[in-house]
Protein backbone atom coordinates (compact mmCIF):
# COMPACT_ATOMS: atom_id res chain seq x y z
CA UNK A 1 0.00 0.00 0.00
CA UNK A 2 1.34 3.40 -0.92
CA UNK A 3 1.57 5.96 1.83
CA UNK A 4 -0.14 9.34 1.71
CA UNK A 5 3.22 11.06 1.21
CA UNK A 6 3.94 8.92 -1.85
CA UNK A 7 0.46 9.67 -3.26
CA UNK A 8 0.98 13.39 -2.60
CA UNK A 9 4.30 13.27 -4.46
CA UNK A 10 2.68 11.44 -7.38
CA UNK A 11 -0.11 14.00 -7.48
CA UNK A 12 2.42 16.83 -7.54
CA UNK A 13 4.39 15.16 -10.33
CA UNK A 14 1.21 14.57 -12.30
CA UNK A 15 0.31 18.23 -12.02
CA UNK A 16 3.62 19.14 -13.61
CA UNK A 17 2.53 17.44 -16.83
CA UNK A 18 -0.83 19.17 -17.14
CA UNK A 19 -1.23 22.33 -19.19
CA UNK A 20 -3.98 24.77 -19.90
CA UNK A 21 -6.61 23.63 -22.38
CA UNK A 22 -5.84 26.34 -24.90
CA UNK A 23 -2.25 25.23 -25.47
CA UNK A 24 -1.22 21.61 -25.69
CA UNK A 25 2.20 20.53 -24.49
CA UNK A 26 3.38 19.64 -27.99
CA UNK A 27 3.22 23.19 -29.32
CA UNK A 28 3.35 25.65 -26.45
CA UNK A 29 5.30 26.33 -23.32
CA UNK A 30 3.67 25.67 -20.01
CA UNK A 31 2.29 28.87 -18.50
CA UNK A 32 1.40 27.42 -15.11
CA UNK A 33 2.23 23.76 -14.56
CA UNK A 34 -0.28 23.50 -11.71
CA UNK A 35 -3.28 24.60 -13.77
CA UNK A 36 -5.74 21.73 -14.09
CA UNK A 37 -6.95 21.03 -17.58
CA UNK A 38 -10.12 19.22 -16.59
CA UNK A 39 -11.60 17.62 -13.46
CA UNK A 40 -10.22 14.11 -13.06
CA UNK A 41 -6.95 14.78 -14.91
CA UNK A 42 -4.71 14.50 -11.88
CA UNK A 43 -6.33 11.30 -10.57
CA UNK A 44 -6.01 9.78 -14.05
CA UNK A 45 -2.34 10.78 -14.21
CA UNK A 46 -1.76 9.20 -10.79
CA UNK A 47 -3.57 5.99 -11.86
CA UNK A 48 -1.40 5.91 -14.99
CA UNK A 49 1.76 6.27 -12.90
CA UNK A 50 0.63 3.40 -10.67
CA UNK A 51 -0.16 1.26 -13.76
CA UNK A 52 3.34 1.99 -15.06
CA UNK A 53 4.82 0.97 -11.71
CA UNK A 54 2.75 -2.25 -11.77
CA UNK A 55 3.68 -3.00 -15.41
CA UNK A 56 0.04 -2.82 -16.55
CA UNK A 57 0.97 -0.30 -19.25
CA UNK A 58 4.41 0.34 -20.70
CA UNK A 59 6.49 3.45 -20.43
CA UNK A 60 6.75 5.32 -23.72
CA UNK A 61 9.76 6.89 -25.32
CA UNK A 62 9.40 10.62 -24.65
CA UNK A 63 8.76 12.44 -27.92
CA UNK A 64 8.41 16.22 -27.92
CA UNK A 65 7.15 18.84 -30.35
CA UNK A 66 5.68 18.01 -33.72
CA UNK A 67 6.83 14.38 -33.59
CA UNK A 68 5.06 13.80 -30.26
CA UNK A 69 1.98 15.52 -31.62
CA UNK A 70 1.95 13.35 -34.74
CA UNK A 71 2.37 10.20 -32.66
CA UNK A 72 -0.58 11.11 -30.44
CA UNK A 73 -2.77 12.17 -33.37
CA UNK A 74 -1.99 8.85 -35.07
CA UNK A 75 -3.11 7.00 -31.95
CA UNK A 76 -6.20 9.21 -31.63
CA UNK A 77 -7.19 8.57 -35.25
CA UNK A 78 -6.93 4.81 -34.69
CA UNK A 79 -8.88 5.06 -31.43
CA UNK A 80 -11.60 7.13 -33.11
CA UNK A 81 -11.82 4.59 -35.94
CA UNK A 82 -12.25 1.73 -33.44
CA UNK A 83 -14.78 3.69 -31.39
CA UNK A 84 -16.66 4.73 -34.53
CA UNK A 85 -17.50 1.11 -35.23
CA UNK A 86 -19.26 1.00 -31.85
CA UNK A 87 -20.55 4.53 -31.28
CA UNK A 88 -22.14 5.41 -34.62
CA UNK A 89 -22.85 9.12 -34.83
CA UNK A 90 -21.78 10.03 -31.30
CA UNK A 91 -20.09 13.42 -30.91
CA UNK A 92 -17.52 13.65 -28.15
CA UNK A 93 -14.22 15.15 -27.07
CA UNK A 94 -10.96 13.59 -26.02
CA UNK A 95 -8.39 15.01 -23.62
CA UNK A 96 -4.92 13.45 -23.67
CA UNK A 97 -3.91 14.33 -20.11
CA UNK A 98 -0.13 14.05 -20.63
CA UNK A 99 -0.06 16.93 -23.09
CA UNK A 100 -3.36 18.72 -22.53
CA UNK A 101 -4.31 18.02 -26.16
CA UNK A 102 -8.05 18.50 -26.71
CA UNK A 103 -9.72 16.89 -29.71
CA UNK A 104 -13.25 16.71 -31.00
CA UNK A 105 -14.93 13.84 -32.84
CA UNK A 106 -17.81 14.48 -35.23
CA UNK A 107 -19.67 12.17 -37.61
CA UNK A 108 -18.58 12.43 -41.24
CA UNK A 109 -19.61 10.91 -44.55
CA UNK A 110 -16.71 8.44 -44.46
CA UNK A 111 -16.78 7.84 -40.70
CA UNK A 112 -15.91 9.88 -37.61
CA UNK A 113 -13.72 12.96 -38.07
CA UNK A 114 -11.07 14.02 -35.57
CA UNK A 115 -10.23 17.69 -35.07
CA UNK A 116 -7.36 18.59 -32.74
CA UNK A 117 -6.60 21.75 -30.76
CA UNK A 118 -10.21 22.55 -29.99
CA UNK A 119 -11.64 24.54 -27.13
CA UNK A 120 -13.44 22.18 -24.72
CA UNK A 121 -17.22 22.25 -24.58
CA UNK A 122 -19.28 21.46 -21.53
CA UNK A 123 -22.13 20.03 -23.60
CA UNK A 124 -20.44 16.90 -25.00
CA UNK A 125 -19.09 13.70 -23.48
CA UNK A 126 -15.36 13.82 -22.74
CA UNK A 127 -12.93 10.91 -22.71
CA UNK A 128 -9.88 11.51 -20.52
CA UNK A 129 -7.00 9.23 -21.48
CA UNK A 130 -3.20 9.06 -21.32
CA UNK A 131 -0.73 8.41 -24.11
CA UNK A 132 0.29 5.22 -22.32
CA UNK A 133 -3.25 3.85 -22.35
CA UNK A 134 -3.82 4.92 -25.95
CA UNK A 135 -0.78 2.91 -26.98
CA UNK A 136 -1.64 -0.08 -24.79
CA UNK A 137 -5.25 -0.30 -26.00
CA UNK A 138 -4.28 -0.07 -29.66
CA UNK A 139 -1.55 -2.69 -29.25
CA UNK A 140 -4.06 -4.87 -27.35
CA UNK A 141 -1.74 -4.97 -24.33
CA UNK A 142 -4.63 -4.07 -22.03
CA UNK A 143 -8.38 -4.21 -22.50
CA UNK A 144 -10.84 -1.47 -21.67
CA UNK A 145 -12.45 -3.40 -18.82
CA UNK A 146 -9.13 -3.77 -16.99
CA UNK A 147 -8.30 -0.14 -17.81
CA UNK A 148 -11.66 0.92 -16.36
CA UNK A 149 -11.12 -1.16 -13.21
CA UNK A 150 -7.79 0.62 -12.68
CA UNK A 151 -9.26 4.09 -13.47
CA UNK A 152 -6.90 4.49 -16.45
CA UNK A 153 -9.52 6.43 -18.38
CA UNK A 154 -12.48 8.51 -17.38
CA UNK A 155 -15.61 9.58 -19.20
CA UNK A 156 -17.37 12.77 -18.16
CA UNK A 157 -20.73 14.21 -19.20
CA UNK A 158 -21.92 10.97 -20.81
CA UNK A 159 -25.59 10.78 -19.75
CA UNK A 160 -26.50 7.69 -21.79
CA UNK A 161 -23.14 6.05 -21.02
CA UNK A 162 -22.71 5.64 -24.81
CA UNK A 163 -19.06 6.70 -24.99
CA UNK A 164 -17.97 4.45 -22.10
CA UNK A 165 -19.91 1.49 -23.50
CA UNK A 166 -18.45 2.10 -26.98
CA UNK A 167 -14.94 2.02 -25.51
CA UNK A 168 -15.68 -1.19 -23.60
CA UNK A 169 -16.98 -2.86 -26.79
CA UNK A 170 -14.16 -1.55 -28.99
CA UNK A 171 -11.43 -3.01 -26.75
CA UNK A 172 -12.99 -6.08 -25.07
CA UNK A 173 -11.14 -8.45 -22.80
CA UNK A 174 -9.42 -11.34 -24.54
CA UNK A 175 -11.64 -13.80 -22.69
CA UNK A 176 -14.89 -12.12 -23.85
CA UNK A 177 -13.89 -11.18 -27.39
C-alpha atoms as a PDB file:
ATOM      1  CA  UNK A   1       0.000   0.000   0.000  1.00  0.00           C
ATOM      2  CA  UNK A   2       1.340   3.398  -0.917  1.00  0.00           C
ATOM      3  CA  UNK A   3       1.567   5.962   1.835  1.00  0.00           C
ATOM      4  CA  UNK A   4      -0.136   9.343   1.714  1.00  0.00           C
ATOM      5  CA  UNK A   5       3.216  11.063   1.205  1.00  0.00           C
ATOM      6  CA  UNK A   6       3.935   8.920  -1.855  1.00  0.00           C
ATOM      7  CA  UNK A   7       0.458   9.674  -3.259  1.00  0.00           C
ATOM      8  CA  UNK A   8       0.977  13.386  -2.600  1.00  0.00           C
ATOM      9  CA  UNK A   9       4.300  13.273  -4.461  1.00  0.00           C
ATOM     10  CA  UNK A  10       2.680  11.438  -7.379  1.00  0.00           C
ATOM     11  CA  UNK A  11      -0.106  14.002  -7.484  1.00  0.00           C
ATOM     12  CA  UNK A  12       2.418  16.828  -7.536  1.00  0.00           C
ATOM     13  CA  UNK A  13       4.392  15.162 -10.326  1.00  0.00           C
ATOM     14  CA  UNK A  14       1.208  14.566 -12.304  1.00  0.00           C
ATOM     15  CA  UNK A  15       0.307  18.231 -12.022  1.00  0.00           C
ATOM     16  CA  UNK A  16       3.619  19.141 -13.608  1.00  0.00           C
ATOM     17  CA  UNK A  17       2.528  17.442 -16.834  1.00  0.00           C
ATOM     18  CA  UNK A  18      -0.829  19.174 -17.139  1.00  0.00           C
ATOM     19  CA  UNK A  19      -1.230  22.332 -19.185  1.00  0.00           C
ATOM     20  CA  UNK A  20      -3.977  24.771 -19.902  1.00  0.00           C
ATOM     21  CA  UNK A  21      -6.609  23.626 -22.376  1.00  0.00           C
ATOM     22  CA  UNK A  22      -5.840  26.344 -24.897  1.00  0.00           C
ATOM     23  CA  UNK A  23      -2.252  25.228 -25.473  1.00  0.00           C
ATOM     24  CA  UNK A  24      -1.219  21.607 -25.694  1.00  0.00           C
ATOM     25  CA  UNK A  25       2.196  20.531 -24.486  1.00  0.00           C
ATOM     26  CA  UNK A  26       3.379  19.642 -27.993  1.00  0.00           C
ATOM     27  CA  UNK A  27       3.223  23.195 -29.320  1.00  0.00           C
ATOM     28  CA  UNK A  28       3.348  25.650 -26.452  1.00  0.00           C
ATOM     29  CA  UNK A  29       5.302  26.326 -23.325  1.00  0.00           C
ATOM     30  CA  UNK A  30       3.667  25.667 -20.008  1.00  0.00           C
ATOM     31  CA  UNK A  31       2.292  28.867 -18.495  1.00  0.00           C
ATOM     32  CA  UNK A  32       1.398  27.420 -15.106  1.00  0.00           C
ATOM     33  CA  UNK A  33       2.230  23.756 -14.562  1.00  0.00           C
ATOM     34  CA  UNK A  34      -0.281  23.496 -11.708  1.00  0.00           C
ATOM     35  CA  UNK A  35      -3.284  24.596 -13.765  1.00  0.00           C
ATOM     36  CA  UNK A  36      -5.740  21.729 -14.090  1.00  0.00           C
ATOM     37  CA  UNK A  37      -6.952  21.033 -17.583  1.00  0.00           C
ATOM     38  CA  UNK A  38     -10.116  19.215 -16.591  1.00  0.00           C
ATOM     39  CA  UNK A  39     -11.600  17.615 -13.465  1.00  0.00           C
ATOM     40  CA  UNK A  40     -10.219  14.114 -13.062  1.00  0.00           C
ATOM     41  CA  UNK A  41      -6.949  14.780 -14.913  1.00  0.00           C
ATOM     42  CA  UNK A  42      -4.708  14.503 -11.882  1.00  0.00           C
ATOM     43  CA  UNK A  43      -6.326  11.304 -10.574  1.00  0.00           C
ATOM     44  CA  UNK A  44      -6.013   9.782 -14.049  1.00  0.00           C
ATOM     45  CA  UNK A  45      -2.343  10.785 -14.211  1.00  0.00           C
ATOM     46  CA  UNK A  46      -1.758   9.201 -10.788  1.00  0.00           C
ATOM     47  CA  UNK A  47      -3.567   5.993 -11.857  1.00  0.00           C
ATOM     48  CA  UNK A  48      -1.402   5.907 -14.992  1.00  0.00           C
ATOM     49  CA  UNK A  49       1.759   6.271 -12.897  1.00  0.00           C
ATOM     50  CA  UNK A  50       0.628   3.396 -10.675  1.00  0.00           C
ATOM     51  CA  UNK A  51      -0.158   1.255 -13.762  1.00  0.00           C
ATOM     52  CA  UNK A  52       3.342   1.990 -15.065  1.00  0.00           C
ATOM     53  CA  UNK A  53       4.822   0.974 -11.712  1.00  0.00           C
ATOM     54  CA  UNK A  54       2.747  -2.246 -11.765  1.00  0.00           C
ATOM     55  CA  UNK A  55       3.683  -2.998 -15.414  1.00  0.00           C
ATOM     56  CA  UNK A  56       0.042  -2.817 -16.549  1.00  0.00           C
ATOM     57  CA  UNK A  57       0.971  -0.301 -19.252  1.00  0.00           C
ATOM     58  CA  UNK A  58       4.411   0.338 -20.697  1.00  0.00           C
ATOM     59  CA  UNK A  59       6.487   3.448 -20.433  1.00  0.00           C
ATOM     60  CA  UNK A  60       6.752   5.323 -23.715  1.00  0.00           C
ATOM     61  CA  UNK A  61       9.760   6.894 -25.324  1.00  0.00           C
ATOM     62  CA  UNK A  62       9.401  10.621 -24.651  1.00  0.00           C
ATOM     63  CA  UNK A  63       8.757  12.437 -27.924  1.00  0.00           C
ATOM     64  CA  UNK A  64       8.406  16.217 -27.921  1.00  0.00           C
ATOM     65  CA  UNK A  65       7.153  18.837 -30.348  1.00  0.00           C
ATOM     66  CA  UNK A  66       5.682  18.008 -33.720  1.00  0.00           C
ATOM     67  CA  UNK A  67       6.832  14.376 -33.587  1.00  0.00           C
ATOM     68  CA  UNK A  68       5.063  13.799 -30.257  1.00  0.00           C
ATOM     69  CA  UNK A  69       1.980  15.523 -31.623  1.00  0.00           C
ATOM     70  CA  UNK A  70       1.953  13.346 -34.745  1.00  0.00           C
ATOM     71  CA  UNK A  71       2.375  10.199 -32.662  1.00  0.00           C
ATOM     72  CA  UNK A  72      -0.576  11.111 -30.437  1.00  0.00           C
ATOM     73  CA  UNK A  73      -2.765  12.174 -33.366  1.00  0.00           C
ATOM     74  CA  UNK A  74      -1.995   8.851 -35.071  1.00  0.00           C
ATOM     75  CA  UNK A  75      -3.111   6.998 -31.950  1.00  0.00           C
ATOM     76  CA  UNK A  76      -6.196   9.212 -31.633  1.00  0.00           C
ATOM     77  CA  UNK A  77      -7.189   8.568 -35.252  1.00  0.00           C
ATOM     78  CA  UNK A  78      -6.926   4.809 -34.695  1.00  0.00           C
ATOM     79  CA  UNK A  79      -8.876   5.062 -31.428  1.00  0.00           C
ATOM     80  CA  UNK A  80     -11.604   7.130 -33.106  1.00  0.00           C
ATOM     81  CA  UNK A  81     -11.816   4.588 -35.939  1.00  0.00           C
ATOM     82  CA  UNK A  82     -12.251   1.731 -33.444  1.00  0.00           C
ATOM     83  CA  UNK A  83     -14.780   3.688 -31.387  1.00  0.00           C
ATOM     84  CA  UNK A  84     -16.660   4.726 -34.534  1.00  0.00           C
ATOM     85  CA  UNK A  85     -17.500   1.107 -35.228  1.00  0.00           C
ATOM     86  CA  UNK A  86     -19.256   1.004 -31.853  1.00  0.00           C
ATOM     87  CA  UNK A  87     -20.552   4.532 -31.283  1.00  0.00           C
ATOM     88  CA  UNK A  88     -22.143   5.415 -34.617  1.00  0.00           C
ATOM     89  CA  UNK A  89     -22.847   9.124 -34.829  1.00  0.00           C
ATOM     90  CA  UNK A  90     -21.775  10.032 -31.300  1.00  0.00           C
ATOM     91  CA  UNK A  91     -20.091  13.420 -30.914  1.00  0.00           C
ATOM     92  CA  UNK A  92     -17.518  13.647 -28.148  1.00  0.00           C
ATOM     93  CA  UNK A  93     -14.222  15.154 -27.072  1.00  0.00           C
ATOM     94  CA  UNK A  94     -10.956  13.585 -26.016  1.00  0.00           C
ATOM     95  CA  UNK A  95      -8.394  15.009 -23.622  1.00  0.00           C
ATOM     96  CA  UNK A  96      -4.922  13.452 -23.670  1.00  0.00           C
ATOM     97  CA  UNK A  97      -3.912  14.327 -20.114  1.00  0.00           C
ATOM     98  CA  UNK A  98      -0.132  14.049 -20.632  1.00  0.00           C
ATOM     99  CA  UNK A  99      -0.057  16.933 -23.091  1.00  0.00           C
ATOM    100  CA  UNK A 100      -3.359  18.722 -22.526  1.00  0.00           C
ATOM    101  CA  UNK A 101      -4.306  18.022 -26.162  1.00  0.00           C
ATOM    102  CA  UNK A 102      -8.048  18.498 -26.705  1.00  0.00           C
ATOM    103  CA  UNK A 103      -9.717  16.894 -29.707  1.00  0.00           C
ATOM    104  CA  UNK A 104     -13.251  16.706 -30.996  1.00  0.00           C
ATOM    105  CA  UNK A 105     -14.926  13.836 -32.842  1.00  0.00           C
ATOM    106  CA  UNK A 106     -17.814  14.475 -35.232  1.00  0.00           C
ATOM    107  CA  UNK A 107     -19.671  12.168 -37.611  1.00  0.00           C
ATOM    108  CA  UNK A 108     -18.583  12.431 -41.240  1.00  0.00           C
ATOM    109  CA  UNK A 109     -19.613  10.911 -44.554  1.00  0.00           C
ATOM    110  CA  UNK A 110     -16.710   8.436 -44.461  1.00  0.00           C
ATOM    111  CA  UNK A 111     -16.784   7.845 -40.699  1.00  0.00           C
ATOM    112  CA  UNK A 112     -15.914   9.876 -37.614  1.00  0.00           C
ATOM    113  CA  UNK A 113     -13.724  12.959 -38.072  1.00  0.00           C
ATOM    114  CA  UNK A 114     -11.068  14.020 -35.573  1.00  0.00           C
ATOM    115  CA  UNK A 115     -10.231  17.685 -35.068  1.00  0.00           C
ATOM    116  CA  UNK A 116      -7.363  18.592 -32.738  1.00  0.00           C
ATOM    117  CA  UNK A 117      -6.599  21.751 -30.757  1.00  0.00           C
ATOM    118  CA  UNK A 118     -10.209  22.545 -29.989  1.00  0.00           C
ATOM    119  CA  UNK A 119     -11.645  24.537 -27.126  1.00  0.00           C
ATOM    120  CA  UNK A 120     -13.435  22.183 -24.721  1.00  0.00           C
ATOM    121  CA  UNK A 121     -17.216  22.255 -24.584  1.00  0.00           C
ATOM    122  CA  UNK A 122     -19.277  21.455 -21.525  1.00  0.00           C
ATOM    123  CA  UNK A 123     -22.133  20.027 -23.603  1.00  0.00           C
ATOM    124  CA  UNK A 124     -20.444  16.903 -24.995  1.00  0.00           C
ATOM    125  CA  UNK A 125     -19.090  13.699 -23.481  1.00  0.00           C
ATOM    126  CA  UNK A 126     -15.363  13.825 -22.739  1.00  0.00           C
ATOM    127  CA  UNK A 127     -12.925  10.906 -22.714  1.00  0.00           C
ATOM    128  CA  UNK A 128      -9.876  11.506 -20.524  1.00  0.00           C
ATOM    129  CA  UNK A 129      -6.999   9.231 -21.481  1.00  0.00           C
ATOM    130  CA  UNK A 130      -3.203   9.062 -21.317  1.00  0.00           C
ATOM    131  CA  UNK A 131      -0.733   8.408 -24.111  1.00  0.00           C
ATOM    132  CA  UNK A 132       0.286   5.223 -22.322  1.00  0.00           C
ATOM    133  CA  UNK A 133      -3.250   3.847 -22.349  1.00  0.00           C
ATOM    134  CA  UNK A 134      -3.821   4.916 -25.951  1.00  0.00           C
ATOM    135  CA  UNK A 135      -0.784   2.915 -26.985  1.00  0.00           C
ATOM    136  CA  UNK A 136      -1.639  -0.082 -24.787  1.00  0.00           C
ATOM    137  CA  UNK A 137      -5.247  -0.296 -26.005  1.00  0.00           C
ATOM    138  CA  UNK A 138      -4.276  -0.074 -29.663  1.00  0.00           C
ATOM    139  CA  UNK A 139      -1.547  -2.692 -29.252  1.00  0.00           C
ATOM    140  CA  UNK A 140      -4.060  -4.870 -27.350  1.00  0.00           C
ATOM    141  CA  UNK A 141      -1.735  -4.970 -24.327  1.00  0.00           C
ATOM    142  CA  UNK A 142      -4.627  -4.075 -22.027  1.00  0.00           C
ATOM    143  CA  UNK A 143      -8.379  -4.212 -22.500  1.00  0.00           C
ATOM    144  CA  UNK A 144     -10.840  -1.466 -21.675  1.00  0.00           C
ATOM    145  CA  UNK A 145     -12.452  -3.400 -18.824  1.00  0.00           C
ATOM    146  CA  UNK A 146      -9.129  -3.766 -16.987  1.00  0.00           C
ATOM    147  CA  UNK A 147      -8.302  -0.141 -17.808  1.00  0.00           C
ATOM    148  CA  UNK A 148     -11.664   0.916 -16.364  1.00  0.00           C
ATOM    149  CA  UNK A 149     -11.120  -1.161 -13.211  1.00  0.00           C
ATOM    150  CA  UNK A 150      -7.794   0.623 -12.684  1.00  0.00           C
ATOM    151  CA  UNK A 151      -9.259   4.086 -13.474  1.00  0.00           C
ATOM    152  CA  UNK A 152      -6.901   4.491 -16.449  1.00  0.00           C
ATOM    153  CA  UNK A 153      -9.522   6.432 -18.377  1.00  0.00           C
ATOM    154  CA  UNK A 154     -12.483   8.506 -17.379  1.00  0.00           C
ATOM    155  CA  UNK A 155     -15.607   9.583 -19.201  1.00  0.00           C
ATOM    156  CA  UNK A 156     -17.369  12.767 -18.160  1.00  0.00           C
ATOM    157  CA  UNK A 157     -20.728  14.213 -19.203  1.00  0.00           C
ATOM    158  CA  UNK A 158     -21.919  10.966 -20.808  1.00  0.00           C
ATOM    159  CA  UNK A 159     -25.594  10.783 -19.749  1.00  0.00           C
ATOM    160  CA  UNK A 160     -26.505   7.687 -21.791  1.00  0.00           C
ATOM    161  CA  UNK A 161     -23.135   6.052 -21.016  1.00  0.00           C
ATOM    162  CA  UNK A 162     -22.713   5.642 -24.813  1.00  0.00           C
ATOM    163  CA  UNK A 163     -19.063   6.700 -24.985  1.00  0.00           C
ATOM    164  CA  UNK A 164     -17.965   4.453 -22.102  1.00  0.00           C
ATOM    165  CA  UNK A 165     -19.910   1.493 -23.502  1.00  0.00           C
ATOM    166  CA  UNK A 166     -18.448   2.098 -26.983  1.00  0.00           C
ATOM    167  CA  UNK A 167     -14.940   2.018 -25.512  1.00  0.00           C
ATOM    168  CA  UNK A 168     -15.679  -1.187 -23.602  1.00  0.00           C
ATOM    169  CA  UNK A 169     -16.984  -2.857 -26.786  1.00  0.00           C
ATOM    170  CA  UNK A 170     -14.156  -1.553 -28.993  1.00  0.00           C
ATOM    171  CA  UNK A 171     -11.432  -3.012 -26.749  1.00  0.00           C
ATOM    172  CA  UNK A 172     -12.991  -6.079 -25.075  1.00  0.00           C
ATOM    173  CA  UNK A 173     -11.141  -8.450 -22.799  1.00  0.00           C
ATOM    174  CA  UNK A 174      -9.422 -11.337 -24.538  1.00  0.00           C
ATOM    175  CA  UNK A 175     -11.639 -13.798 -22.692  1.00  0.00           C
ATOM    176  CA  UNK A 176     -14.889 -12.121 -23.851  1.00  0.00           C
ATOM    177  CA  UNK A 177     -13.891 -11.178 -27.391  1.00  0.00           C
END
